Amino acid sequence: MSTPNSHPPLKAITLTHVRYTKGDKVGHFLAWISLVPVFISLGGFVSHFIFRRELQGICFAFGLLISQFINELIKTSVQQARPETCALLEACDSLGWPSSHSQYMFFFATYFTLLQFRNRRNWGFFDYVVQSIVWFLAFLTMVSRVYLGYHSTSQVFAGAILGTVLGAAWCWVVQNVLVHYFPLIEDSPIGRRFYIKDTSHIPNVFNGLRIAPHIPCAPNPSKQPPWC
């Protein structure tokens, strides 16, 4: 008969494994905030690919994957442990510098802002509200990792700085290099099979989608609306 000590140590899936002090309402709230990267990845980008399949969104998601890969490389190289509170959280078996949650959210906020900044002339009150919410969530995620004991202050700031730098760099690569290959991707067999497209050059794509069914495409390609 086996004893509890004879079993190998167990490891939790940290994707949604967030602990907080029982009865701590602030900790409970910040624990949910700490899951925002998961909601963005699974709820945002997955649903975007299913329903929209925009190249800008795909590049955005791919950049986040590259950022997280770089995060793991740095963690493995630096080998900095989490704070002592990791014992209560059962998270001491993973490394802490830089914070991947903080890096993810600041990459997301930076890229999102720079992507939207291209159309800043058309910004209204709603656009500023959305930008404020994105950065507020990034800041709250950073605070949550320290408050809950998963990271030290230096670890979350390192993640925020690295995420900001990588987000800005990847946005430059996409908008100045990869964007020139978007037409080739759209016309490729894979692009046609999965209806991958780029509508970022259309000033108001939602307005175009609303009126497109009512306006036929012109025989002359030079006079066609952008959705034809």
Protein backbone atom coordinates (compact mmCIF):
# COMPACT_ATOMS: atom_id res chain seq x y z
CA MET A 1 0.00 0.00 0.00
CA SER A 2 1.43 3.37 -1.05
CA THR A 3 1.82 6.26 1.34
CA PRO A 4 1.31 10.01 0.52
CA ASN A 5 5.08 10.52 0.62
CA SER A 6 5.62 7.86 -2.04
CA HIS A 7 3.84 9.84 -4.70
CA PRO A 8 5.79 12.23 -6.93
CA PRO A 9 5.19 15.96 -6.28
CA LEU A 10 2.17 17.44 -8.03
CA LYS A 11 2.27 20.47 -10.30
CA ALA A 12 -0.69 22.74 -11.09
CA ILE A 13 -1.52 24.21 -14.49
CA THR A 14 -0.73 27.87 -13.86
CA LEU A 15 -2.86 29.20 -16.73
CA THR A 16 -5.82 29.81 -14.41
CA HIS A 17 -4.34 28.71 -11.08
CA VAL A 18 -4.49 31.96 -9.08
CA ARG A 19 -4.62 32.00 -5.28
CA TYR A 20 -5.62 34.80 -2.93
CA THR A 21 -6.21 35.13 0.82
CA LYS A 22 -9.65 33.87 1.78
CA GLY A 23 -11.94 36.76 2.70
CA ASP A 24 -9.75 39.34 0.98
CA LYS A 25 -12.11 41.13 -1.41
CA VAL A 26 -9.32 43.16 -3.00
CA GLY A 27 -7.30 40.00 -3.53
CA HIS A 28 -10.36 38.29 -5.03
CA PHE A 29 -10.82 41.16 -7.47
CA LEU A 30 -7.12 41.26 -8.39
CA ALA A 31 -7.10 37.49 -8.87
CA TRP A 32 -9.68 37.95 -11.64
CA ILE A 33 -7.65 40.84 -13.05
CA SER A 34 -4.66 38.53 -13.13
CA LEU A 35 -6.60 36.34 -15.57
CA VAL A 36 -7.11 39.14 -18.10
CA PRO A 37 -4.30 37.81 -20.37
CA VAL A 38 -6.13 34.48 -20.53
CA PHE A 39 -9.41 36.20 -21.43
CA ILE A 40 -7.68 38.23 -24.15
CA SER A 41 -5.96 35.19 -25.64
CA LEU A 42 -8.84 32.71 -25.56
CA GLY A 43 -11.81 35.06 -25.75
CA GLY A 44 -10.33 37.80 -27.88
CA PHE A 45 -7.86 36.43 -30.39
CA VAL A 46 -9.45 33.01 -30.85
CA SER A 47 -12.88 34.50 -31.51
CA HIS A 48 -11.26 37.14 -33.77
CA PHE A 49 -9.68 34.44 -35.92
CA ILE A 50 -12.91 32.45 -36.08
CA PHE A 51 -15.12 35.37 -37.11
CA ARG A 52 -12.82 37.98 -38.70
CA ARG A 53 -9.43 36.48 -39.68
CA GLU A 54 -7.79 39.86 -40.13
CA LEU A 55 -4.07 39.85 -40.84
CA GLN A 56 -3.51 42.71 -38.41
CA GLY A 57 -5.09 40.68 -35.63
CA ILE A 58 -3.15 37.55 -36.58
CA CYS A 59 0.13 39.48 -36.52
CA PHE A 60 -0.88 40.99 -33.19
CA ALA A 61 -1.43 37.52 -31.69
CA PHE A 62 1.77 36.18 -33.25
CA GLY A 63 3.71 39.05 -31.69
CA LEU A 64 2.33 38.17 -28.25
CA LEU A 65 3.48 34.57 -28.74
CA ILE A 66 6.97 35.77 -29.67
CA SER A 67 6.99 38.03 -26.61
CA GLN A 68 6.08 35.13 -24.30
CA PHE A 69 8.74 32.94 -25.92
CA ILE A 70 11.35 35.64 -25.26
CA ASN A 71 10.05 35.89 -21.69
CA GLU A 72 10.66 32.18 -21.11
CA LEU A 73 14.16 32.43 -22.61
CA ILE A 74 15.06 35.30 -20.29
CA LYS A 75 13.59 33.55 -17.25
CA THR A 76 15.62 30.44 -18.02
CA SER A 77 18.79 32.49 -18.47
CA VAL A 78 18.40 34.77 -15.42
CA GLN A 79 17.04 32.05 -13.08
CA GLN A 80 15.59 34.54 -10.58
CA ALA A 81 13.19 32.94 -8.10
CA ARG A 82 9.81 34.30 -7.13
CA PRO A 83 9.36 36.04 -3.76
CA GLU A 84 9.16 33.95 -0.56
CA THR A 85 5.36 34.10 -0.70
CA CYS A 86 5.51 31.64 -3.59
CA ALA A 87 5.50 28.79 -1.04
CA LEU A 88 1.95 29.60 0.05
CA LEU A 89 0.92 29.93 -3.59
CA GLU A 90 2.58 26.66 -4.66
CA ALA A 91 4.39 28.58 -7.37
CA CYS A 92 8.04 28.22 -6.33
CA ASP A 93 8.73 25.70 -9.08
CA SER A 94 8.55 28.47 -11.70
CA LEU A 95 10.81 31.47 -12.19
CA GLY A 96 9.85 35.10 -11.61
CA TRP A 97 11.98 37.56 -13.62
CA PRO A 98 10.51 39.11 -15.70
CA SER A 99 6.79 38.77 -14.99
CA SER A 100 5.09 37.18 -18.00
CA HIS A 101 1.66 38.59 -17.04
CA SER A 102 3.03 42.11 -16.83
CA GLN A 103 4.98 41.70 -20.06
CA TYR A 104 1.92 40.34 -21.88
CA MET A 105 -0.36 43.18 -20.83
CA PHE A 106 2.11 45.97 -21.59
CA PHE A 107 2.92 44.43 -24.96
CA PHE A 108 -0.81 44.30 -25.66
CA ALA A 109 -1.42 47.89 -24.50
CA THR A 110 1.55 49.30 -26.43
CA TYR A 111 0.77 47.50 -29.67
CA PHE A 112 -2.94 48.27 -29.42
CA THR A 113 -2.30 51.98 -28.85
CA LEU A 114 0.22 52.29 -31.68
CA LEU A 115 -2.07 50.37 -34.03
CA GLN A 116 -5.00 52.65 -33.26
CA PHE A 117 -2.82 55.77 -33.30
CA ARG A 118 -2.57 55.54 -37.07
CA ASN A 119 -6.21 56.64 -37.29
CA ARG A 120 -5.98 59.21 -34.49
CA ARG A 121 -7.58 61.89 -36.70
CA ASN A 122 -10.82 59.92 -36.53
CA TRP A 123 -10.65 59.36 -32.78
CA GLY A 124 -13.66 60.25 -30.69
CA PHE A 125 -14.51 60.07 -27.02
CA PHE A 126 -15.07 56.31 -27.19
CA ASP A 127 -11.55 55.73 -28.56
CA TYR A 128 -9.97 57.57 -25.65
CA VAL A 129 -12.10 55.59 -23.20
CA VAL A 130 -10.98 52.29 -24.75
CA GLN A 131 -7.33 53.33 -24.63
CA SER A 132 -7.68 54.31 -20.98
CA ILE A 133 -9.28 50.98 -20.10
CA VAL A 134 -6.53 48.99 -21.83
CA TRP A 135 -3.73 50.80 -19.98
CA PHE A 136 -5.64 50.68 -16.70
CA LEU A 137 -5.98 46.90 -17.04
CA ALA A 138 -2.26 46.62 -17.81
CA PHE A 139 -1.42 48.59 -14.68
CA LEU A 140 -3.87 46.60 -12.53
CA THR A 141 -2.42 43.32 -13.80
CA MET A 142 1.03 44.48 -12.77
CA VAL A 143 -0.26 45.48 -9.32
CA SER A 144 -2.16 42.19 -8.91
CA ARG A 145 0.96 40.06 -9.37
CA VAL A 146 2.72 41.90 -6.55
CA TYR A 147 -0.32 42.09 -4.27
CA LEU A 148 -1.05 38.37 -4.62
CA GLY A 149 2.59 37.49 -3.95
CA TYR A 150 3.51 35.94 -7.29
CA HIS A 151 6.15 38.54 -8.15
CA SER A 152 8.32 41.23 -6.65
CA THR A 153 8.07 44.86 -7.71
CA SER A 154 11.26 44.63 -9.77
CA GLN A 155 9.95 41.58 -11.61
CA VAL A 156 6.69 43.21 -12.71
CA PHE A 157 8.46 46.43 -13.74
CA ALA A 158 10.95 44.41 -15.77
CA GLY A 159 8.04 42.68 -17.50
CA ALA A 160 6.30 45.99 -18.16
CA ILE A 161 9.40 47.57 -19.69
CA LEU A 162 10.20 44.53 -21.81
CA GLY A 163 6.59 44.25 -22.97
CA THR A 164 6.49 47.93 -23.93
CA VAL A 165 9.74 47.69 -25.91
CA LEU A 166 8.78 44.47 -27.69
CA GLY A 167 5.28 45.76 -28.42
CA ALA A 168 6.63 48.93 -30.05
CA ALA A 169 9.30 47.01 -31.98
CA TRP A 170 6.86 44.38 -33.28
CA CYS A 171 4.36 47.06 -34.29
CA TRP A 172 7.09 48.77 -36.34
CA VAL A 173 8.00 45.46 -38.01
CA VAL A 174 4.37 44.70 -38.91
CA GLN A 175 3.47 48.19 -40.14
CA ASN A 176 6.70 48.81 -42.08
CA VAL A 177 7.75 45.36 -43.28
CA LEU A 178 5.11 42.65 -43.03
CA VAL A 179 2.24 44.84 -44.22
CA HIS A 180 3.75 44.82 -47.73
CA TYR A 181 3.24 41.05 -47.87
CA PHE A 182 -0.41 41.17 -46.84
CA PRO A 183 -1.73 41.15 -50.46
CA LEU A 184 0.38 38.05 -51.20
CA ILE A 185 -0.97 36.30 -48.11
CA GLU A 186 -4.55 37.23 -49.03
CA ASP A 187 -4.12 35.77 -52.53
CA SER A 188 -2.26 32.66 -51.38
CA PRO A 189 -4.05 29.27 -51.30
CA ILE A 190 -4.13 29.36 -47.49
CA GLY A 191 -5.42 32.94 -47.47
CA ARG A 192 -8.21 32.09 -49.89
CA ARG A 193 -9.05 28.84 -48.11
CA PHE A 194 -9.47 30.50 -44.70
CA TYR A 195 -10.70 33.88 -46.00
CA ILE A 196 -7.76 35.72 -44.43
CA LYS A 197 -7.92 39.42 -45.23
CA ASP A 198 -6.65 42.90 -44.40
CA THR A 199 -9.10 45.78 -44.06
CA SER A 200 -6.84 48.08 -42.03
CA HIS A 201 -6.45 50.40 -45.04
CA ILE A 202 -10.21 51.14 -44.99
CA PRO A 203 -10.84 54.24 -42.82
CA ASN A 204 -14.15 53.03 -41.40
CA VAL A 205 -14.46 49.32 -42.08
CA PHE A 206 -17.65 48.85 -40.06
CA ASN A 207 -19.39 51.56 -42.05
CA GLY A 208 -18.18 49.86 -45.21
CA LEU A 209 -19.59 46.53 -44.06
CA ARG A 210 -22.91 48.21 -43.28
CA ILE A 211 -23.40 49.84 -46.67
CA ALA A 212 -21.52 47.34 -48.86
CA PRO A 213 -24.54 45.10 -49.55
CA HIS A 214 -26.44 48.10 -50.91
CA ILE A 215 -23.74 49.39 -53.27
CA PRO A 216 -22.78 47.17 -56.22
CA CYS A 217 -19.17 46.92 -57.35
CA ALA A 218 -18.31 49.04 -60.38
CA PRO A 219 -17.11 47.38 -63.61
CA ASN A 220 -14.08 49.69 -63.61
CA PRO A 221 -11.61 48.50 -60.92
CA SER A 222 -10.34 52.05 -60.34
CA LYS A 223 -13.84 53.17 -59.31
CA GLN A 224 -14.68 50.25 -57.08
CA PRO A 225 -15.29 50.85 -53.36
CA PRO A 226 -12.63 49.32 -51.06
CA TRP A 227 -14.79 46.35 -50.04
CA CYS A 228 -15.08 45.02 -53.61
